[in-house]
Amino acid sequence: MIDSDDTQPPAPHRNRVLDALKRAERKVFTRPAPKSAKAQMKFLYTRTKQSTKALAEQLGVSTRTVQRYRAGQQT
């Protein structure tokens, strides 16, 4: 049985993450955003200078989802 926490997030959450990446990339504008999910979340986390909880709230996902992306457990 697959745990629902280990599955890929629904498309709306993924779109929020991608939109946040685009906004952050425009602010930085020196190089393109990372390609892997882990690197993307690390990029967002370091650019926003927020806690995991605050970043999760901003993205509209759970704190655990942000933690999984940062650990490379979710793609």
N, C-alpha and C. Protein backbone atom coordinates (compact mmCIF):
# COMPACT_ATOMS: atom_id res chain seq x y z
N MET A 1 0.83 -1.18 0.00
CA MET A 1 0.00 0.00 0.00
C MET A 1 0.88 1.25 0.00
N ILE A 2 0.55 2.19 -0.83
CA ILE A 2 1.33 3.43 -0.93
C ILE A 2 0.73 4.46 0.00
N ASP A 3 1.58 5.05 0.80
CA ASP A 3 1.16 6.10 1.70
C ASP A 3 0.87 7.36 0.90
N SER A 4 -0.24 8.00 1.17
CA SER A 4 -0.63 9.18 0.39
C SER A 4 0.36 10.33 0.55
N ASP A 5 1.14 10.33 1.64
CA ASP A 5 2.13 11.39 1.84
C ASP A 5 3.32 11.24 0.90
N ASP A 6 3.55 10.06 0.35
CA ASP A 6 4.70 9.82 -0.50
C ASP A 6 4.39 10.02 -1.98
N THR A 7 3.17 10.35 -2.31
CA THR A 7 2.82 10.54 -3.72
C THR A 7 3.10 11.97 -4.13
N GLN A 8 3.14 12.17 -5.43
CA GLN A 8 3.40 13.50 -5.97
C GLN A 8 2.21 14.41 -5.67
N PRO A 9 2.47 15.70 -5.39
CA PRO A 9 1.37 16.59 -5.06
C PRO A 9 0.48 16.81 -6.27
N PRO A 10 -0.77 17.15 -6.02
CA PRO A 10 -1.68 17.43 -7.14
C PRO A 10 -1.16 18.60 -7.97
N ALA A 11 -1.61 18.67 -9.17
CA ALA A 11 -1.15 19.69 -10.11
C ALA A 11 -1.26 21.12 -9.56
N PRO A 12 -2.34 21.51 -8.87
CA PRO A 12 -2.40 22.88 -8.38
C PRO A 12 -1.24 23.24 -7.44
N HIS A 13 -0.83 22.30 -6.58
CA HIS A 13 0.31 22.58 -5.70
C HIS A 13 1.59 22.70 -6.49
N ARG A 14 1.77 21.83 -7.46
CA ARG A 14 2.96 21.87 -8.30
C ARG A 14 3.01 23.21 -9.05
N ASN A 15 1.86 23.67 -9.52
CA ASN A 15 1.81 24.94 -10.24
C ASN A 15 2.18 26.10 -9.32
N ARG A 16 1.78 26.04 -8.06
CA ARG A 16 2.13 27.09 -7.11
C ARG A 16 3.63 27.14 -6.90
N VAL A 17 4.24 25.96 -6.79
CA VAL A 17 5.69 25.89 -6.61
C VAL A 17 6.39 26.47 -7.84
N LEU A 18 5.93 26.09 -9.02
CA LEU A 18 6.55 26.59 -10.24
C LEU A 18 6.35 28.10 -10.39
N ASP A 19 5.18 28.60 -10.03
CA ASP A 19 4.95 30.04 -10.09
C ASP A 19 5.86 30.78 -9.13
N ALA A 20 6.03 30.23 -7.93
CA ALA A 20 6.93 30.85 -6.95
C ALA A 20 8.36 30.85 -7.46
N LEU A 21 8.75 29.78 -8.12
CA LEU A 21 10.09 29.71 -8.71
C LEU A 21 10.28 30.79 -9.77
N LYS A 22 9.28 30.97 -10.59
CA LYS A 22 9.37 32.00 -11.65
C LYS A 22 9.51 33.40 -11.03
N ARG A 23 8.72 33.67 -9.98
CA ARG A 23 8.81 34.97 -9.32
C ARG A 23 10.19 35.16 -8.69
N ALA A 24 10.69 34.14 -8.03
CA ALA A 24 12.00 34.23 -7.39
C ALA A 24 13.10 34.38 -8.44
N GLU A 25 12.94 33.68 -9.55
CA GLU A 25 13.94 33.76 -10.62
C GLU A 25 13.99 35.17 -11.20
N ARG A 26 12.84 35.79 -11.35
CA ARG A 26 12.81 37.16 -11.88
C ARG A 26 13.52 38.12 -10.94
N LYS A 27 13.40 37.88 -9.62
CA LYS A 27 14.07 38.75 -8.65
C LYS A 27 15.58 38.58 -8.71
N VAL A 28 16.02 37.36 -8.86
CA VAL A 28 17.46 37.07 -8.89
C VAL A 28 18.03 37.45 -10.25
N PHE A 29 17.45 36.91 -11.30
CA PHE A 29 17.72 37.24 -12.69
C PHE A 29 19.16 37.07 -13.13
N THR A 30 20.00 36.41 -12.36
CA THR A 30 21.38 36.22 -12.78
C THR A 30 21.61 34.85 -13.41
N ARG A 31 20.79 33.89 -13.06
CA ARG A 31 20.91 32.55 -13.64
C ARG A 31 19.55 31.86 -13.56
N PRO A 32 19.34 30.87 -14.39
CA PRO A 32 18.04 30.18 -14.38
C PRO A 32 17.83 29.39 -13.09
N ALA A 33 16.56 29.15 -12.78
CA ALA A 33 16.21 28.38 -11.60
C ALA A 33 16.68 26.94 -11.76
N PRO A 34 16.98 26.27 -10.66
CA PRO A 34 17.43 24.87 -10.72
C PRO A 34 16.37 23.96 -11.33
N LYS A 35 16.80 22.81 -11.83
CA LYS A 35 15.91 21.88 -12.51
C LYS A 35 15.32 20.82 -11.60
N SER A 36 16.09 20.30 -10.65
CA SER A 36 15.56 19.23 -9.79
C SER A 36 14.64 19.81 -8.72
N ALA A 37 13.70 19.00 -8.26
CA ALA A 37 12.75 19.45 -7.25
C ALA A 37 13.45 19.84 -5.95
N LYS A 38 14.46 19.07 -5.56
CA LYS A 38 15.20 19.38 -4.34
C LYS A 38 15.92 20.72 -4.46
N ALA A 39 16.57 20.93 -5.60
CA ALA A 39 17.29 22.18 -5.81
C ALA A 39 16.34 23.37 -5.93
N GLN A 40 15.17 23.14 -6.52
CA GLN A 40 14.18 24.20 -6.63
C GLN A 40 13.70 24.65 -5.26
N MET A 41 13.41 23.69 -4.39
CA MET A 41 12.93 24.04 -3.05
C MET A 41 14.03 24.71 -2.25
N LYS A 42 15.25 24.26 -2.40
CA LYS A 42 16.38 24.90 -1.71
C LYS A 42 16.52 26.34 -2.18
N PHE A 43 16.38 26.54 -3.48
CA PHE A 43 16.46 27.87 -4.08
C PHE A 43 15.39 28.79 -3.47
N LEU A 44 14.14 28.30 -3.44
CA LEU A 44 13.05 29.10 -2.88
C LEU A 44 13.29 29.39 -1.40
N TYR A 45 13.72 28.37 -0.68
CA TYR A 45 13.94 28.50 0.76
C TYR A 45 15.01 29.55 1.06
N THR A 46 16.11 29.52 0.33
CA THR A 46 17.19 30.47 0.59
C THR A 46 16.85 31.87 0.09
N ARG A 47 16.12 31.96 -1.00
CA ARG A 47 15.76 33.27 -1.54
C ARG A 47 14.72 33.99 -0.70
N THR A 48 13.77 33.27 -0.16
CA THR A 48 12.71 33.92 0.61
C THR A 48 13.14 34.20 2.04
N LYS A 49 14.19 33.51 2.50
CA LYS A 49 14.72 33.69 3.86
C LYS A 49 13.62 33.55 4.91
N GLN A 50 12.81 32.51 4.72
CA GLN A 50 11.71 32.24 5.63
C GLN A 50 11.92 30.89 6.28
N SER A 51 11.09 30.63 7.28
CA SER A 51 11.09 29.30 7.89
C SER A 51 10.40 28.33 6.94
N THR A 52 10.56 27.04 7.21
CA THR A 52 9.89 26.02 6.42
C THR A 52 8.38 26.20 6.50
N LYS A 53 7.89 26.52 7.68
CA LYS A 53 6.45 26.71 7.86
C LYS A 53 5.95 27.90 7.05
N ALA A 54 6.66 29.01 7.09
CA ALA A 54 6.24 30.21 6.36
C ALA A 54 6.28 29.96 4.85
N LEU A 55 7.31 29.26 4.38
CA LEU A 55 7.39 28.95 2.95
C LEU A 55 6.25 28.04 2.54
N ALA A 56 5.94 27.05 3.36
CA ALA A 56 4.84 26.14 3.07
C ALA A 56 3.51 26.90 2.99
N GLU A 57 3.29 27.81 3.91
CA GLU A 57 2.06 28.61 3.89
C GLU A 57 1.98 29.47 2.64
N GLN A 58 3.10 30.05 2.26
CA GLN A 58 3.15 30.89 1.06
C GLN A 58 2.85 30.08 -0.20
N LEU A 59 3.35 28.84 -0.24
CA LEU A 59 3.14 27.98 -1.40
C LEU A 59 1.79 27.27 -1.37
N GLY A 60 1.16 27.26 -0.21
CA GLY A 60 -0.13 26.58 -0.08
C GLY A 60 0.00 25.07 0.03
N VAL A 61 1.12 24.61 0.59
CA VAL A 61 1.35 23.18 0.80
C VAL A 61 1.67 22.96 2.27
N SER A 62 1.75 21.69 2.68
CA SER A 62 2.06 21.40 4.08
C SER A 62 3.55 21.60 4.35
N THR A 63 3.86 21.80 5.62
CA THR A 63 5.26 21.93 6.03
C THR A 63 6.02 20.66 5.69
N ARG A 64 5.37 19.52 5.88
CA ARG A 64 6.00 18.24 5.58
C ARG A 64 6.34 18.12 4.09
N THR A 65 5.50 18.67 3.22
CA THR A 65 5.79 18.64 1.78
C THR A 65 7.06 19.42 1.48
N VAL A 66 7.21 20.58 2.08
CA VAL A 66 8.43 21.38 1.89
C VAL A 66 9.64 20.60 2.41
N GLN A 67 9.49 19.96 3.56
CA GLN A 67 10.59 19.17 4.12
C GLN A 67 10.97 18.02 3.19
N ARG A 68 9.97 17.35 2.61
CA ARG A 68 10.25 16.25 1.69
C ARG A 68 11.00 16.74 0.44
N TYR A 69 10.56 17.86 -0.11
CA TYR A 69 11.26 18.41 -1.27
C TYR A 69 12.70 18.75 -0.91
N ARG A 70 12.92 19.38 0.23
CA ARG A 70 14.27 19.77 0.63
C ARG A 70 15.15 18.55 0.87
N ALA A 71 14.57 17.44 1.31
CA ALA A 71 15.33 16.22 1.55
C ALA A 71 15.52 15.40 0.28
N GLY A 72 14.86 15.79 -0.81
CA GLY A 72 14.98 15.05 -2.06
C GLY A 72 14.11 13.82 -2.10
N GLN A 73 13.12 13.71 -1.20
CA GLN A 73 12.26 12.54 -1.16
C GLN A 73 11.07 12.68 -2.08
N GLN A 74 10.81 13.89 -2.56
CA GLN A 74 9.65 14.11 -3.43
C GLN A 74 10.14 14.77 -4.70
N THR A 75 9.56 14.33 -5.82
CA THR A 75 9.98 14.90 -7.10
C THR A 75 8.82 15.56 -7.79
